[in-house]
Protein backbone atom coordinates (compact mmCIF):
# COMPACT_ATOMS: atom_id res chain seq x y z
CA MET A 1 -9.41 19.32 5.09
CA LYS A 2 -6.51 17.29 5.40
CA THR A 3 -5.30 16.05 2.26
CA VAL A 4 -3.29 12.48 1.23
CA LEU A 5 -1.52 12.01 -2.34
CA THR A 6 -1.35 8.63 -3.50
CA ILE A 7 1.65 8.09 -6.23
CA ALA A 8 0.40 4.90 -7.64
CA GLY A 9 -0.50 3.74 -11.36
CA SER A 10 -3.80 3.21 -12.68
CA ASP A 11 -6.10 0.36 -12.58
CA CYS A 12 -8.96 1.02 -15.49
CA SER A 13 -11.27 -2.05 -13.93
CA GLY A 14 -10.99 0.26 -10.73
CA GLY A 15 -10.37 -2.62 -8.15
CA ALA A 16 -7.23 -1.55 -7.05
CA GLY A 17 -3.92 1.02 -7.79
CA ILE A 18 -5.39 4.78 -8.06
CA GLN A 19 -8.53 3.86 -8.17
CA ALA A 20 -9.10 2.29 -5.27
CA ASP A 21 -6.86 4.71 -3.09
CA ILE A 22 -9.05 8.09 -4.82
CA LYS A 23 -12.17 5.66 -3.24
CA THR A 24 -10.76 5.17 0.50
CA MET A 25 -9.32 8.22 0.50
CA THR A 26 -12.83 10.39 -0.12
CA VAL A 27 -15.03 7.80 2.67
CA HIS A 28 -12.20 8.22 5.13
CA GLY A 29 -13.04 11.74 5.14
CA VAL A 30 -9.54 13.43 3.57
CA TYR A 31 -9.04 14.81 0.43
CA ALA A 32 -7.58 12.52 -2.38
CA MET A 33 -4.56 13.76 -4.86
CA SER A 34 -2.73 11.07 -7.23
CA VAL A 35 0.57 11.12 -9.18
CA ILE A 36 0.65 8.33 -11.71
CA THR A 37 3.49 5.80 -12.09
CA ALA A 38 2.04 4.14 -14.85
CA LEU A 39 -1.33 3.09 -16.78
CA THR A 40 -1.96 -0.70 -16.74
CA ALA A 41 -4.63 -2.30 -19.07
CA GLN A 42 -5.86 -4.61 -16.09
CA ASN A 43 -8.94 -6.94 -14.58
CA THR A 44 -9.72 -9.27 -12.21
CA THR A 45 -8.64 -11.94 -14.13
CA GLY A 46 -5.05 -10.58 -15.33
CA VAL A 47 -2.55 -7.71 -16.03
CA TYR A 48 -2.25 -6.94 -19.59
CA GLY A 49 -0.12 -4.29 -20.25
CA ILE A 50 1.60 -0.96 -18.39
CA SER A 51 2.65 2.09 -20.16
CA GLU A 52 5.00 3.47 -17.47
CA VAL A 53 5.06 7.71 -17.34
CA THR A 54 9.05 9.14 -17.78
CA PRO A 55 11.18 10.17 -14.57
CA ASP A 56 10.85 13.71 -15.97
CA PHE A 57 6.55 13.56 -16.18
CA LEU A 58 6.60 11.77 -12.81
CA ARG A 59 8.36 14.93 -11.72
CA LYS A 60 6.21 17.37 -13.09
CA GLN A 61 3.44 16.27 -11.69
CA LEU A 62 4.55 15.77 -7.90
CA ASP A 63 5.75 18.90 -8.20
CA ALA A 64 2.63 20.76 -9.13
CA VAL A 65 0.77 18.35 -5.93
CA PHE A 66 3.09 19.74 -3.66
CA THR A 67 3.76 23.55 -4.91
CA ASP A 68 -0.07 24.51 -4.49
CA ILE A 69 -1.72 21.09 -1.56
CA TYR A 70 1.07 19.72 -0.09
CA PRO A 71 -0.57 16.79 1.23
CA ASP A 72 -0.50 15.36 5.22
CA ALA A 73 0.17 12.57 3.87
CA VAL A 74 1.80 10.02 1.14
CA LYS A 75 0.65 6.50 -0.01
CA ILE A 76 3.08 5.19 -2.34
CA GLY A 77 1.25 2.32 -5.02
CA MET A 78 2.91 0.30 -7.68
CA VAL A 79 6.33 2.10 -9.18
CA SER A 80 7.75 0.08 -11.94
CA SER A 81 11.14 1.01 -12.17
CA SER A 82 14.23 2.65 -10.19
CA GLU A 83 13.86 5.48 -12.40
CA LEU A 84 10.76 5.95 -10.95
CA ALA A 85 11.75 5.09 -7.31
CA GLU A 86 14.58 7.19 -7.56
CA VAL A 87 12.70 10.70 -8.39
CA ILE A 88 9.89 9.74 -5.81
CA TYR A 89 12.85 9.73 -3.41
CA ASP A 90 14.59 13.09 -5.04
CA ARG A 91 11.28 15.09 -4.51
CA LEU A 92 9.68 13.40 -1.42
CA SER A 93 12.84 14.46 0.65
CA PHE A 94 13.08 17.82 -1.28
CA TYR A 95 9.81 18.57 0.34
CA LYS A 96 10.55 16.56 3.18
CA ALA A 97 7.04 15.18 2.97
CA LYS A 98 5.29 12.95 5.97
CA ASN A 99 3.62 10.81 7.07
CA ILE A 100 4.99 8.46 4.33
CA VAL A 101 3.25 4.53 3.90
CA LEU A 102 5.06 3.02 1.53
CA ASP A 103 3.18 -0.59 0.05
CA PRO A 104 5.90 -2.60 -2.03
CA VAL A 105 3.76 -3.87 -5.19
CA MET A 106 5.95 -6.09 -7.36
CA VAL A 107 3.80 -8.35 -8.40
CA ALA A 108 -1.18 -8.71 -8.61
CA THR A 109 -4.31 -10.33 -6.72
CA SER A 110 -3.81 -12.36 -10.07
CA GLY A 111 -0.14 -12.82 -10.01
CA ALA A 112 1.51 -11.26 -12.41
CA SER A 113 4.46 -9.34 -12.53
CA LEU A 114 3.77 -4.92 -11.64
CA SER A 115 7.45 -4.10 -11.36
CA LYS A 116 11.47 -4.25 -13.51
CA GLU A 117 13.80 -6.64 -11.80
CA LYS A 118 16.50 -4.83 -8.77
CA LEU A 119 13.26 -2.29 -7.83
CA SER A 120 13.33 -4.44 -4.68
CA GLU A 121 17.16 -2.47 -4.48
CA VAL A 122 16.32 0.73 -4.80
CA LEU A 123 13.37 0.86 -3.26
CA ALA A 124 14.27 -0.49 0.14
CA LYS A 125 17.52 1.29 -0.11
CA ASN A 126 16.31 5.02 -1.00
CA LEU A 127 12.44 5.36 -0.61
CA PHE A 128 12.27 2.02 3.05
CA PRO A 129 14.07 4.77 4.79
CA ILE A 130 11.98 8.05 4.28
CA ALA A 131 8.60 6.04 5.01
CA THR A 132 6.63 5.78 7.93
CA LEU A 133 5.61 2.62 7.41
CA VAL A 134 6.23 -0.30 5.47
CA THR A 135 3.44 -2.32 4.28
CA PRO A 136 4.83 -5.91 2.20
CA ASN A 137 2.95 -8.93 2.78
CA ILE A 138 4.23 -12.25 2.91
CA PRO A 139 5.60 -12.75 -0.88
CA GLU A 140 7.93 -8.98 -0.96
CA ALA A 141 8.52 -9.55 2.20
CA GLU A 142 11.29 -12.62 1.31
CA VAL A 143 11.98 -10.62 -1.49
CA PHE A 144 13.42 -8.30 0.80
CA THR A 145 14.77 -10.70 3.95
CA GLN A 146 15.61 -13.65 1.40
CA THR A 147 14.34 -15.73 3.13
CA THR A 148 11.69 -17.70 3.29
CA ILE A 149 8.78 -17.63 5.51
CA GLU A 150 6.71 -20.52 7.30
CA SER A 151 5.72 -19.69 10.29
CA GLU A 152 4.34 -16.29 13.04
CA ASP A 153 8.02 -17.22 14.25
CA ASP A 154 9.49 -16.68 10.60
CA MET A 155 7.15 -13.17 10.23
CA LEU A 156 9.10 -11.62 13.60
CA THR A 157 12.34 -12.62 12.59
CA ALA A 158 11.56 -11.11 9.00
CA ALA A 159 10.18 -7.57 10.42
CA GLU A 160 12.18 -7.44 12.81
CA LYS A 161 14.85 -7.71 10.06
CA ILE A 162 13.37 -5.72 8.13
CA SER A 163 13.06 -2.38 9.79
CA HIS A 164 16.46 -2.65 11.38
CA LYS A 165 18.06 -3.59 7.95
CA PHE A 166 16.41 -0.96 6.50
CA ARG A 167 15.60 1.74 9.72
CA CYS A 168 12.05 1.94 8.70
CA ASN A 169 8.18 0.61 10.69
CA VAL A 170 7.28 -2.83 8.86
CA LEU A 171 3.71 -4.03 9.21
CA LEU A 172 3.87 -7.03 7.70
CA LYS A 173 0.75 -8.66 6.31
CA GLY A 174 0.23 -12.84 7.27
CA GLY A 175 -2.44 -12.67 4.52
CA HIS A 176 -0.28 -14.78 2.38
CA ARG A 177 -0.48 -18.60 3.08
CA ILE A 178 0.80 -18.19 7.48
CA ASN A 179 -3.37 -16.80 8.98
CA GLY A 180 -6.35 -16.01 9.23
CA ALA A 181 -5.37 -12.74 8.61
CA ASN A 182 -3.12 -11.85 11.16
CA ASP A 183 -0.38 -8.64 10.65
CA LEU A 184 2.89 -7.95 13.01
CA LEU A 185 3.81 -4.11 13.08
CA TYR A 186 7.24 -3.76 14.51
CA THR A 187 8.46 -0.15 15.09
CA ASP A 188 10.45 0.86 17.94
CA GLY A 189 11.57 -2.39 18.95
CA LYS A 190 8.46 -3.55 19.99
CA PHE A 191 5.93 -6.41 18.20
CA LYS A 192 2.25 -6.00 17.55
CA TRP A 193 -0.18 -8.38 16.71
CA PHE A 194 -3.19 -6.88 14.70
CA LYS A 195 -5.33 -10.05 14.78
CA GLY A 196 -7.85 -10.19 11.67
CA LYS A 197 -11.05 -13.29 11.34
CA ARG A 198 -10.07 -14.65 7.62
CA ILE A 199 -13.00 -13.49 5.15
CA ASP A 200 -14.31 -17.06 2.67
CA ASN A 201 -14.63 -14.49 0.17
CA PRO A 202 -12.05 -14.81 -2.76
CA ASN A 203 -12.66 -11.60 -3.82
CA THR A 204 -9.43 -9.75 -3.34
CA HIS A 205 -8.29 -7.59 -5.25
CA GLY A 206 -6.51 -4.17 -4.06
CA THR A 207 -6.92 -5.32 -0.58
CA GLY A 208 -2.96 -3.80 0.47
CA CYS A 209 -4.09 -0.97 -2.04
CA THR A 210 -6.72 -0.58 0.00
CA LEU A 211 -5.67 -0.86 3.09
CA SER A 212 -1.75 1.41 2.89
CA SER A 213 -4.57 3.82 2.15
CA ALA A 214 -6.44 3.83 4.92
CA ILE A 215 -3.61 3.78 6.81
CA ALA A 216 -2.35 6.82 5.02
CA SER A 217 -5.58 8.56 5.75
CA ASN A 218 -6.32 7.97 9.69
CA LEU A 219 -2.30 9.66 10.10
CA ALA A 220 -3.21 12.67 7.44
CA LYS A 221 -6.41 12.94 10.63
CA GLY A 222 -3.82 12.59 13.33
CA LEU A 223 -3.84 9.39 14.61
CA ASN A 224 -0.95 7.27 15.96
CA LEU A 225 0.12 4.40 14.13
CA GLU A 226 -0.83 1.55 16.22
CA SER A 227 -4.33 3.34 16.18
CA SER A 228 -4.55 3.70 12.25
CA VAL A 229 -3.55 -0.07 12.03
CA GLN A 230 -6.17 -0.65 14.05
CA LYS A 231 -9.01 1.87 12.32
CA ALA A 232 -7.89 0.32 8.61
CA LYS A 233 -7.41 -3.08 9.60
CA GLU A 234 -11.63 -3.41 10.97
CA TYR A 235 -12.29 -0.37 7.60
CA ILE A 236 -11.06 -3.59 5.59
CA THR A 237 -12.72 -6.48 7.48
CA GLU A 238 -15.88 -4.95 6.55
CA ALA A 239 -15.06 -4.16 2.26
CA LEU A 240 -14.43 -8.30 2.19
CA SER A 241 -17.35 -8.92 4.35
CA SER A 242 -19.90 -7.30 2.50
CA SER A 243 -18.87 -10.14 -0.24
CA LEU A 244 -18.98 -7.56 -3.91
CA ASN A 245 -18.96 -9.89 -6.68
CA LEU A 246 -17.96 -8.72 -9.90
CA GLY A 247 -15.16 -10.01 -12.52
CA LYS A 248 -14.37 -12.70 -13.64
CA GLY A 249 -11.42 -13.72 -11.42
CA SER A 250 -10.72 -11.72 -8.46
CA GLY A 251 -13.13 -8.95 -7.83
CA PRO A 252 -12.62 -5.73 -6.02
CA LEU A 253 -13.54 -4.76 -2.86
CA ASN A 254 -16.92 -2.70 -1.55
CA HIS A 255 -15.41 -0.08 -0.76
CA ILE A 256 -18.67 2.18 0.71
CA THR A 257 -20.50 0.06 2.93
CA GLU A 258 -22.47 1.33 5.94
CA GLU A 259 -20.91 -0.94 7.79
CA GLY A 260 -17.50 0.22 6.72
CA MET A 261 -18.02 3.90 7.64
CA LYS A 262 -18.32 2.79 11.56
CA PHE A 263 -14.64 2.42 11.40
CA LEU A 264 -14.06 5.80 9.89
């Protein structure tokens, strides 16, 4: 069985973070492991508290995983401080981790900040270059490029700028403000659009976590980058189409649907 490690924050409501990652990885038929960067008190309406692990304890978790069950892929989600980001860079580099998918989570679906100031600089400098793929959404890409993204042409420019500046492949997600659900992959100097249909579903809590975890799972199983993204897009479309309705705010996806399982 292929193995995938998620390095992310815990979401006690189960819709995002570690919980969404493990659900996604499990239905993809890989063995999921987790290293927790922070505990969050959150639900579908907002984030009400964050308690970071210490850098030393984060290091201990990473060492425990890599010295026993070496992961075939790694997904990185919420990293709430530059100190934690530096530990992740150090340990992943030391163990020569492969198939790293980085979802630079800085703001929750509810709009609450999940990271401290200056973290974006450390993420981009240290973790972007060792990642197989970085998956920012529009607001995150605006932070990393210091530009405003208001069109698909702007997405093309931003994806290329991030890739060249930080030496990484980029999947720029267009669901925020720009288009229905079209994402842009920039790799090896080439662009590829992944078209998606807009799902009329306000319950999108954890979509970024789910997409990046699905991509990492597909990479672990030996799919190439384009195929991994394509199958992950199909899976998340079905998870959204299921129209699960839980909570009083932006609810979670349905990670386990019969139609979604067809794309695994």
